[in-house]
């Protein structure tokens, strides 16, 4: 099974890195990762494809 997640980092307090880390701890593996561009100010977005 595969799942896509958009990982975002806006600031230390506003991100979803914990969600990604929990999935990795539960055995999910990163299959592909791509940066997402655009005018986002200081925010960083990345499309991550995971497989379990």
PDB file of N, CA and C in Angstrom:
ATOM      1  N   UNK A   1       0.849  -1.159   0.000  1.00  0.00           N
ATOM      2  CA  UNK A   1       0.000   0.000   0.000  1.00  0.00           C
ATOM      3  C   UNK A   1       0.906   1.237   0.000  1.00  0.00           C
ATOM      4  N   UNK A   2       0.525   2.234  -0.770  1.00  0.00           N
ATOM      5  CA  UNK A   2       1.249   3.500  -0.800  1.00  0.00           C
ATOM      6  C   UNK A   2       0.366   4.628  -0.289  1.00  0.00           C
ATOM      7  N   UNK A   3       1.033   5.648   0.234  1.00  0.00           N
ATOM      8  CA  UNK A   3       0.317   6.820   0.724  1.00  0.00           C
ATOM      9  C   UNK A   3       1.150   8.052   0.417  1.00  0.00           C
ATOM     10  N   UNK A   4       0.484   9.123   0.042  1.00  0.00           N
ATOM     11  CA  UNK A   4       1.146  10.397  -0.206  1.00  0.00           C
ATOM     12  C   UNK A   4       0.868  11.334   0.962  1.00  0.00           C
ATOM     13  N   UNK A   5       1.878  12.094   1.335  1.00  0.00           N
ATOM     14  CA  UNK A   5       1.727  13.094   2.393  1.00  0.00           C
ATOM     15  C   UNK A   5       2.494  14.343   1.964  1.00  0.00           C
ATOM     16  N   UNK A   6       1.883  15.491   2.164  1.00  0.00           N
ATOM     17  CA  UNK A   6       2.575  16.756   1.914  1.00  0.00           C
ATOM     18  C   UNK A   6       3.150  17.200   3.252  1.00  0.00           C
ATOM     19  N   UNK A   7       4.463  17.155   3.340  1.00  0.00           N
ATOM     20  CA  UNK A   7       5.154  17.564   4.552  1.00  0.00           C
ATOM     21  C   UNK A   7       5.395  19.061   4.450  1.00  0.00           C
ATOM     22  N   UNK A   8       5.049  19.778   5.517  1.00  0.00           N
ATOM     23  CA  UNK A   8       5.251  21.228   5.508  1.00  0.00           C
ATOM     24  C   UNK A   8       6.027  21.656   6.745  1.00  0.00           C
ATOM     25  N   UNK A   9       6.810  22.701   6.577  1.00  0.00           N
ATOM     26  CA  UNK A   9       7.558  23.297   7.679  1.00  0.00           C
ATOM     27  C   UNK A   9       7.458  24.798   7.526  1.00  0.00           C
ATOM     28  N   UNK A  10       6.642  25.397   8.367  1.00  0.00           N
ATOM     29  CA  UNK A  10       6.455  26.843   8.334  1.00  0.00           C
ATOM     30  C   UNK A  10       7.290  27.474   9.449  1.00  0.00           C
ATOM     31  N   UNK A  11       7.286  26.827  10.599  1.00  0.00           N
ATOM     32  CA  UNK A  11       8.107  27.260  11.729  1.00  0.00           C
ATOM     33  C   UNK A  11       8.286  26.050  12.639  1.00  0.00           C
ATOM     34  N   UNK A  12       9.071  26.241  13.686  1.00  0.00           N
ATOM     35  CA  UNK A  12       9.299  25.155  14.631  1.00  0.00           C
ATOM     36  C   UNK A  12       7.996  24.660  15.256  1.00  0.00           C
ATOM     37  N   UNK A  13       7.038  25.553  15.421  1.00  0.00           N
ATOM     38  CA  UNK A  13       5.770  25.187  16.052  1.00  0.00           C
ATOM     39  C   UNK A  13       4.676  24.850  15.050  1.00  0.00           C
ATOM     40  N   UNK A  14       4.909  25.124  13.790  1.00  0.00           N
ATOM     41  CA  UNK A  14       3.871  24.908  12.783  1.00  0.00           C
ATOM     42  C   UNK A  14       4.429  24.036  11.660  1.00  0.00           C
ATOM     43  N   UNK A  15       4.348  22.711  11.879  1.00  0.00           N
ATOM     44  CA  UNK A  15       4.803  21.745  10.883  1.00  0.00           C
ATOM     45  C   UNK A  15       4.149  20.398  11.178  1.00  0.00           C
ATOM     46  N   UNK A  16       4.308  19.457  10.269  1.00  0.00           N
ATOM     47  CA  UNK A  16       3.740  18.126  10.493  1.00  0.00           C
ATOM     48  C   UNK A  16       4.822  17.043  10.444  1.00  0.00           C
ATOM     49  N   UNK A  17       6.014  17.378  10.900  1.00  0.00           N
ATOM     50  CA  UNK A  17       7.103  16.410  10.920  1.00  0.00           C
ATOM     51  C   UNK A  17       6.815  15.247  11.859  1.00  0.00           C
ATOM     52  N   UNK A  18       6.083  15.478  12.950  1.00  0.00           N
ATOM     53  CA  UNK A  18       5.723  14.389  13.860  1.00  0.00           C
ATOM     54  C   UNK A  18       4.884  13.327  13.151  1.00  0.00           C
ATOM     55  N   UNK A  19       3.982  13.766  12.284  1.00  0.00           N
ATOM     56  CA  UNK A  19       3.144  12.827  11.536  1.00  0.00           C
ATOM     57  C   UNK A  19       4.009  11.926  10.648  1.00  0.00           C
ATOM     58  N   UNK A  20       4.959  12.522   9.936  1.00  0.00           N
ATOM     59  CA  UNK A  20       5.858  11.742   9.090  1.00  0.00           C
ATOM     60  C   UNK A  20       6.714  10.807   9.935  1.00  0.00           C
ATOM     61  N   UNK A  21       7.267  11.296  11.022  1.00  0.00           N
ATOM     62  CA  UNK A  21       8.116  10.465  11.881  1.00  0.00           C
ATOM     63  C   UNK A  21       7.359   9.286  12.472  1.00  0.00           C
ATOM     64  N   UNK A  22       6.095   9.475  12.843  1.00  0.00           N
ATOM     65  CA  UNK A  22       5.284   8.374  13.374  1.00  0.00           C
ATOM     66  C   UNK A  22       5.074   7.301  12.316  1.00  0.00           C
ATOM     67  N   UNK A  23       4.828   7.731  11.088  1.00  0.00           N
ATOM     68  CA  UNK A  23       4.637   6.758  10.004  1.00  0.00           C
ATOM     69  C   UNK A  23       5.918   5.955   9.769  1.00  0.00           C
ATOM     70  N   UNK A  24       7.061   6.624   9.807  1.00  0.00           N
ATOM     71  CA  UNK A  24       8.338   5.938   9.625  1.00  0.00           C
ATOM     72  C   UNK A  24       8.606   4.969  10.771  1.00  0.00           C
ATOM     73  N   UNK A  25       8.272   5.350  11.988  1.00  0.00           N
ATOM     74  CA  UNK A  25       8.430   4.470  13.149  1.00  0.00           C
ATOM     75  C   UNK A  25       7.537   3.245  13.041  1.00  0.00           C
ATOM     76  N   UNK A  26       6.399   3.376  12.368  1.00  0.00           N
ATOM     77  CA  UNK A  26       5.447   2.268  12.208  1.00  0.00           C
ATOM     78  C   UNK A  26       5.742   1.407  10.986  1.00  0.00           C
ATOM     79  N   UNK A  27       6.919   1.566  10.398  1.00  0.00           N
ATOM     80  CA  UNK A  27       7.328   0.666   9.319  1.00  0.00           C
ATOM     81  C   UNK A  27       7.158   1.195   7.912  1.00  0.00           C
ATOM     82  N   UNK A  28       6.608   2.389   7.735  1.00  0.00           N
ATOM     83  CA  UNK A  28       6.491   2.963   6.409  1.00  0.00           C
ATOM     84  C   UNK A  28       7.878   3.344   5.912  1.00  0.00           C
ATOM     85  N   UNK A  29       8.097   3.235   4.614  1.00  0.00           N
ATOM     86  CA  UNK A  29       9.376   3.591   4.013  1.00  0.00           C
ATOM     87  C   UNK A  29       9.146   4.631   2.923  1.00  0.00           C
ATOM     88  N   UNK A  30      10.071   5.567   2.816  1.00  0.00           N
ATOM     89  CA  UNK A  30       9.978   6.602   1.788  1.00  0.00           C
ATOM     90  C   UNK A  30      10.333   5.981   0.441  1.00  0.00           C
ATOM     91  N   UNK A  31       9.423   6.114  -0.526  1.00  0.00           N
ATOM     92  CA  UNK A  31       9.638   5.618  -1.884  1.00  0.00           C
ATOM     93  C   UNK A  31      10.125   6.747  -2.781  1.00  0.00           C
ATOM     94  N   UNK A  32       9.568   7.930  -2.589  1.00  0.00           N
ATOM     95  CA  UNK A  32       9.910   9.077  -3.424  1.00  0.00           C
ATOM     96  C   UNK A  32       9.640  10.353  -2.642  1.00  0.00           C
ATOM     97  N   UNK A  33      10.387  11.385  -2.971  1.00  0.00           N
ATOM     98  CA  UNK A  33      10.208  12.689  -2.329  1.00  0.00           C
ATOM     99  C   UNK A  33      10.508  13.759  -3.356  1.00  0.00           C
ATOM    100  N   UNK A  34       9.670  14.782  -3.421  1.00  0.00           N
ATOM    101  CA  UNK A  34       9.864  15.903  -4.332  1.00  0.00           C
ATOM    102  C   UNK A  34       9.523  17.209  -3.636  1.00  0.00           C
ATOM    103  N   UNK A  35      10.406  18.177  -3.809  1.00  0.00           N
ATOM    104  CA  UNK A  35      10.120  19.506  -3.285  1.00  0.00           C
ATOM    105  C   UNK A  35       8.983  20.109  -4.090  1.00  0.00           C
ATOM    106  N   UNK A  36       8.146  20.877  -3.421  1.00  0.00           N
ATOM    107  CA  UNK A  36       7.047  21.563  -4.085  1.00  0.00           C
ATOM    108  C   UNK A  36       7.391  23.042  -4.121  1.00  0.00           C
ATOM    109  N   UNK A  37       7.401  23.619  -5.297  1.00  0.00           N
ATOM    110  CA  UNK A  37       7.801  25.008  -5.459  1.00  0.00           C
ATOM    111  C   UNK A  37       6.635  25.968  -5.374  1.00  0.00           C
ATOM    112  N   UNK A  38       6.931  27.220  -5.625  1.00  0.00           N
ATOM    113  CA  UNK A  38       5.908  28.246  -5.602  1.00  0.00           C
ATOM    114  C   UNK A  38       6.265  29.338  -4.618  1.00  0.00           C
ATOM    115  N   UNK A  39       5.473  30.387  -4.637  1.00  0.00           N
ATOM    116  CA  UNK A  39       5.660  31.513  -3.731  1.00  0.00           C
ATOM    117  C   UNK A  39       5.086  31.147  -2.367  1.00  0.00           C
ATOM    118  N   UNK A  40       5.925  30.722  -1.459  1.00  0.00           N
ATOM    119  CA  UNK A  40       5.463  30.277  -0.144  1.00  0.00           C
ATOM    120  C   UNK A  40       6.118  31.056   0.986  1.00  0.00           C
ATOM    121  N   UNK A  41       6.804  32.151   0.687  1.00  0.00           N
ATOM    122  CA  UNK A  41       7.507  32.867   1.742  1.00  0.00           C
ATOM    123  C   UNK A  41       8.607  32.009   2.316  1.00  0.00           C
ATOM    124  N   UNK A  42       8.611  31.821   3.627  1.00  0.00           N
ATOM    125  CA  UNK A  42       9.645  31.001   4.255  1.00  0.00           C
ATOM    126  C   UNK A  42       9.202  29.559   4.467  1.00  0.00           C
ATOM    127  N   UNK A  43       7.989  29.224   4.082  1.00  0.00           N
ATOM    128  CA  UNK A  43       7.472  27.865   4.257  1.00  0.00           C
ATOM    129  C   UNK A  43       8.127  26.914   3.260  1.00  0.00           C
ATOM    130  N   UNK A  44       8.270  25.658   3.683  1.00  0.00           N
ATOM    131  CA  UNK A  44       8.840  24.616   2.840  1.00  0.00           C
ATOM    132  C   UNK A  44       7.814  23.494   2.747  1.00  0.00           C
ATOM    133  N   UNK A  45       7.550  23.047   1.519  1.00  0.00           N
ATOM    134  CA  UNK A  45       6.608  21.960   1.281  1.00  0.00           C
ATOM    135  C   UNK A  45       7.288  20.865   0.474  1.00  0.00           C
ATOM    136  N   UNK A  46       6.979  19.612   0.779  1.00  0.00           N
ATOM    137  CA  UNK A  46       7.562  18.488   0.073  1.00  0.00           C
ATOM    138  C   UNK A  46       6.523  17.373  -0.050  1.00  0.00           C
ATOM    139  N   UNK A  47       6.401  16.819  -1.240  1.00  0.00           N
ATOM    140  CA  UNK A  47       5.511  15.678  -1.454  1.00  0.00           C
ATOM    141  C   UNK A  47       6.305  14.410  -1.185  1.00  0.00           C
ATOM    142  N   UNK A  48       5.834  13.595  -0.253  1.00  0.00           N
ATOM    143  CA  UNK A  48       6.526  12.369   0.124  1.00  0.00           C
ATOM    144  C   UNK A  48       5.593  11.191  -0.152  1.00  0.00           C
ATOM    145  N   UNK A  49       6.086  10.212  -0.889  1.00  0.00           N
ATOM    146  CA  UNK A  49       5.344   8.974  -1.154  1.00  0.00           C
ATOM    147  C   UNK A  49       5.922   7.891  -0.252  1.00  0.00           C
ATOM    148  N   UNK A  50       5.046   7.271   0.525  1.00  0.00           N
ATOM    149  CA  UNK A  50       5.456   6.238   1.476  1.00  0.00           C
ATOM    150  C   UNK A  50       4.841   4.905   1.076  1.00  0.00           C
ATOM    151  N   UNK A  51       5.497   3.821   1.476  1.00  0.00           N
ATOM    152  CA  UNK A  51       4.967   2.477   1.206  1.00  0.00           C
ATOM    153  C   UNK A  51       5.074   1.645   2.477  1.00  0.00           C
ATOM    154  N   UNK A  52       4.051   0.821   2.694  1.00  0.00           N
ATOM    155  CA  UNK A  52       4.035  -0.039   3.877  1.00  0.00           C
ATOM    156  C   UNK A  52       3.923  -1.475   3.432  1.00  0.00           C
TER     157      UNK A  52
END
